[in-house]
């Protein structure tokens, strides 16, 4: 592999992240910055727990709903799931939360 090919491959993978999917699209899906942070963090924790439980043979959590790469972080996976509409945020009814 030529050094230029290696650089091109690295730059393509490095460009993904918070800019892909675009933050504006994510904000449209979540409604606010606060909702996006809470929603994506909760989903990232679920994905992380899924990977942790695989070695134990448990299936308590749902794994990634999009195709993932080996070194992709759970938060990036969560952002892509939100952007593609595979997971949705439903507002919590305060009356139901108290029950």
C-alpha atoms as a PDB file:
ATOM      1  CA  UNK A   1       0.000   0.000   0.000  1.00  0.00           C
ATOM      2  CA  UNK A   2       1.396   3.354  -1.014  1.00  0.00           C
ATOM      3  CA  UNK A   3       1.671   6.069   1.634  1.00  0.00           C
ATOM      4  CA  UNK A   4      -0.819   8.245  -0.279  1.00  0.00           C
ATOM      5  CA  UNK A   5      -3.391   5.425  -0.253  1.00  0.00           C
ATOM      6  CA  UNK A   6      -2.899   4.965   3.473  1.00  0.00           C
ATOM      7  CA  UNK A   7      -3.355   8.699   4.084  1.00  0.00           C
ATOM      8  CA  UNK A   8      -6.496   8.750   1.938  1.00  0.00           C
ATOM      9  CA  UNK A   9      -7.950   5.763   3.792  1.00  0.00           C
ATOM     10  CA  UNK A  10      -7.195   7.371   7.163  1.00  0.00           C
ATOM     11  CA  UNK A  11      -8.650  10.739   6.170  1.00  0.00           C
ATOM     12  CA  UNK A  12     -11.886   9.120   4.987  1.00  0.00           C
ATOM     13  CA  UNK A  13     -12.374   7.330   8.316  1.00  0.00           C
ATOM     14  CA  UNK A  14     -11.244  10.329  10.354  1.00  0.00           C
ATOM     15  CA  UNK A  15     -13.848  12.569   8.721  1.00  0.00           C
ATOM     16  CA  UNK A  16     -16.696  10.549  10.269  1.00  0.00           C
ATOM     17  CA  UNK A  17     -17.853  11.374  13.762  1.00  0.00           C
ATOM     18  CA  UNK A  18     -19.764  14.339  15.099  1.00  0.00           C
ATOM     19  CA  UNK A  19     -19.871  15.890  11.611  1.00  0.00           C
ATOM     20  CA  UNK A  20     -21.346  12.740  10.120  1.00  0.00           C
ATOM     21  CA  UNK A  21     -24.283  12.782  10.629  1.00  0.00           C
ATOM     22  CA  UNK A  22     -24.489  16.583  10.647  1.00  0.00           C
ATOM     23  CA  UNK A  23     -25.375  18.090  14.007  1.00  0.00           C
ATOM     24  CA  UNK A  24     -28.238  20.103  12.476  1.00  0.00           C
ATOM     25  CA  UNK A  25     -29.948  16.915  11.290  1.00  0.00           C
ATOM     26  CA  UNK A  26     -29.542  15.354  14.733  1.00  0.00           C
ATOM     27  CA  UNK A  27     -31.004  18.433  16.425  1.00  0.00           C
ATOM     28  CA  UNK A  28     -34.020  18.280  14.100  1.00  0.00           C
ATOM     29  CA  UNK A  29     -34.629  14.660  15.137  1.00  0.00           C
ATOM     30  CA  UNK A  30     -34.164  15.269  18.885  1.00  0.00           C
ATOM     31  CA  UNK A  31     -35.822  18.664  19.190  1.00  0.00           C
ATOM     32  CA  UNK A  32     -33.187  20.300  21.397  1.00  0.00           C
ATOM     33  CA  UNK A  33     -29.542  20.041  22.396  1.00  0.00           C
ATOM     34  CA  UNK A  34     -30.543  18.759  25.814  1.00  0.00           C
ATOM     35  CA  UNK A  35     -32.718  15.986  24.372  1.00  0.00           C
ATOM     36  CA  UNK A  36     -29.981  14.996  21.934  1.00  0.00           C
ATOM     37  CA  UNK A  37     -27.359  14.716  24.682  1.00  0.00           C
ATOM     38  CA  UNK A  38     -29.571  12.662  27.014  1.00  0.00           C
ATOM     39  CA  UNK A  39     -30.999  10.465  24.255  1.00  0.00           C
ATOM     40  CA  UNK A  40     -27.677   9.703  22.567  1.00  0.00           C
ATOM     41  CA  UNK A  41     -25.894   9.077  25.889  1.00  0.00           C
ATOM     42  CA  UNK A  42     -28.564   6.603  27.026  1.00  0.00           C
ATOM     43  CA  UNK A  43     -28.438   4.751  23.709  1.00  0.00           C
ATOM     44  CA  UNK A  44     -24.615   4.715  23.756  1.00  0.00           C
ATOM     45  CA  UNK A  45     -24.733   3.161  27.244  1.00  0.00           C
ATOM     46  CA  UNK A  46     -27.111   0.481  25.957  1.00  0.00           C
ATOM     47  CA  UNK A  47     -24.772  -0.304  23.053  1.00  0.00           C
ATOM     48  CA  UNK A  48     -21.779  -0.439  25.392  1.00  0.00           C
ATOM     49  CA  UNK A  49     -23.666  -2.767  27.761  1.00  0.00           C
ATOM     50  CA  UNK A  50     -24.621  -4.964  24.806  1.00  0.00           C
ATOM     51  CA  UNK A  51     -20.967  -5.421  23.843  1.00  0.00           C
ATOM     52  CA  UNK A  52     -20.058  -6.129  27.482  1.00  0.00           C
ATOM     53  CA  UNK A  53     -22.727  -8.802  27.888  1.00  0.00           C
ATOM     54  CA  UNK A  54     -21.828 -10.654  24.679  1.00  0.00           C
ATOM     55  CA  UNK A  55     -19.031 -12.527  26.433  1.00  0.00           C
ATOM     56  CA  UNK A  56     -21.485 -13.676  29.120  1.00  0.00           C
ATOM     57  CA  UNK A  57     -24.048 -14.924  26.605  1.00  0.00           C
ATOM     58  CA  UNK A  58     -26.778 -12.584  27.854  1.00  0.00           C
ATOM     59  CA  UNK A  59     -29.153 -10.746  25.548  1.00  0.00           C
ATOM     60  CA  UNK A  60     -30.612  -8.086  27.818  1.00  0.00           C
ATOM     61  CA  UNK A  61     -29.775  -5.081  25.610  1.00  0.00           C
ATOM     62  CA  UNK A  62     -30.355  -4.440  21.916  1.00  0.00           C
ATOM     63  CA  UNK A  63     -27.180  -4.208  19.874  1.00  0.00           C
ATOM     64  CA  UNK A  64     -26.366  -1.653  17.189  1.00  0.00           C
ATOM     65  CA  UNK A  65     -29.105  -1.197  14.597  1.00  0.00           C
ATOM     66  CA  UNK A  66     -26.705   0.090  11.934  1.00  0.00           C
ATOM     67  CA  UNK A  67     -23.645  -1.482  10.383  1.00  0.00           C
ATOM     68  CA  UNK A  68     -20.630  -0.721  12.567  1.00  0.00           C
ATOM     69  CA  UNK A  69     -16.858  -0.700  12.218  1.00  0.00           C
ATOM     70  CA  UNK A  70     -14.443  -2.375  14.620  1.00  0.00           C
ATOM     71  CA  UNK A  71     -13.185   0.795  16.323  1.00  0.00           C
ATOM     72  CA  UNK A  72     -16.394   2.829  16.134  1.00  0.00           C
ATOM     73  CA  UNK A  73     -17.438   4.354  19.437  1.00  0.00           C
ATOM     74  CA  UNK A  74     -20.909   3.688  20.892  1.00  0.00           C
ATOM     75  CA  UNK A  75     -21.801   7.401  20.797  1.00  0.00           C
ATOM     76  CA  UNK A  76     -21.094   7.585  17.052  1.00  0.00           C
ATOM     77  CA  UNK A  77     -23.257   4.506  16.534  1.00  0.00           C
ATOM     78  CA  UNK A  78     -26.058   6.095  18.582  1.00  0.00           C
ATOM     79  CA  UNK A  79     -25.873   9.303  16.528  1.00  0.00           C
ATOM     80  CA  UNK A  80     -26.196   7.337  13.287  1.00  0.00           C
ATOM     81  CA  UNK A  81     -29.166   5.365  14.645  1.00  0.00           C
ATOM     82  CA  UNK A  82     -30.915   8.587  15.678  1.00  0.00           C
ATOM     83  CA  UNK A  83     -30.231  10.207  12.318  1.00  0.00           C
ATOM     84  CA  UNK A  84     -31.600   7.219  10.389  1.00  0.00           C
ATOM     85  CA  UNK A  85     -34.745   7.165  12.539  1.00  0.00           C
ATOM     86  CA  UNK A  86     -34.067   3.672  13.889  1.00  0.00           C
ATOM     87  CA  UNK A  87     -34.525   4.848  17.471  1.00  0.00           C
ATOM     88  CA  UNK A  88     -36.927   7.587  18.466  1.00  0.00           C
ATOM     89  CA  UNK A  89     -37.307   9.845  21.462  1.00  0.00           C
ATOM     90  CA  UNK A  90     -40.726   9.869  23.067  1.00  0.00           C
ATOM     91  CA  UNK A  91     -41.516  12.550  25.649  1.00  0.00           C
ATOM     92  CA  UNK A  92     -42.112  11.285  29.162  1.00  0.00           C
ATOM     93  CA  UNK A  93     -45.501  12.103  30.621  1.00  0.00           C
ATOM     94  CA  UNK A  94     -44.864  13.651  34.076  1.00  0.00           C
ATOM     95  CA  UNK A  95     -47.967  11.972  35.525  1.00  0.00           C
ATOM     96  CA  UNK A  96     -46.813   8.515  34.388  1.00  0.00           C
ATOM     97  CA  UNK A  97     -43.301   9.196  35.729  1.00  0.00           C
ATOM     98  CA  UNK A  98     -44.671   9.746  39.239  1.00  0.00           C
ATOM     99  CA  UNK A  99     -46.644   6.478  39.231  1.00  0.00           C
END
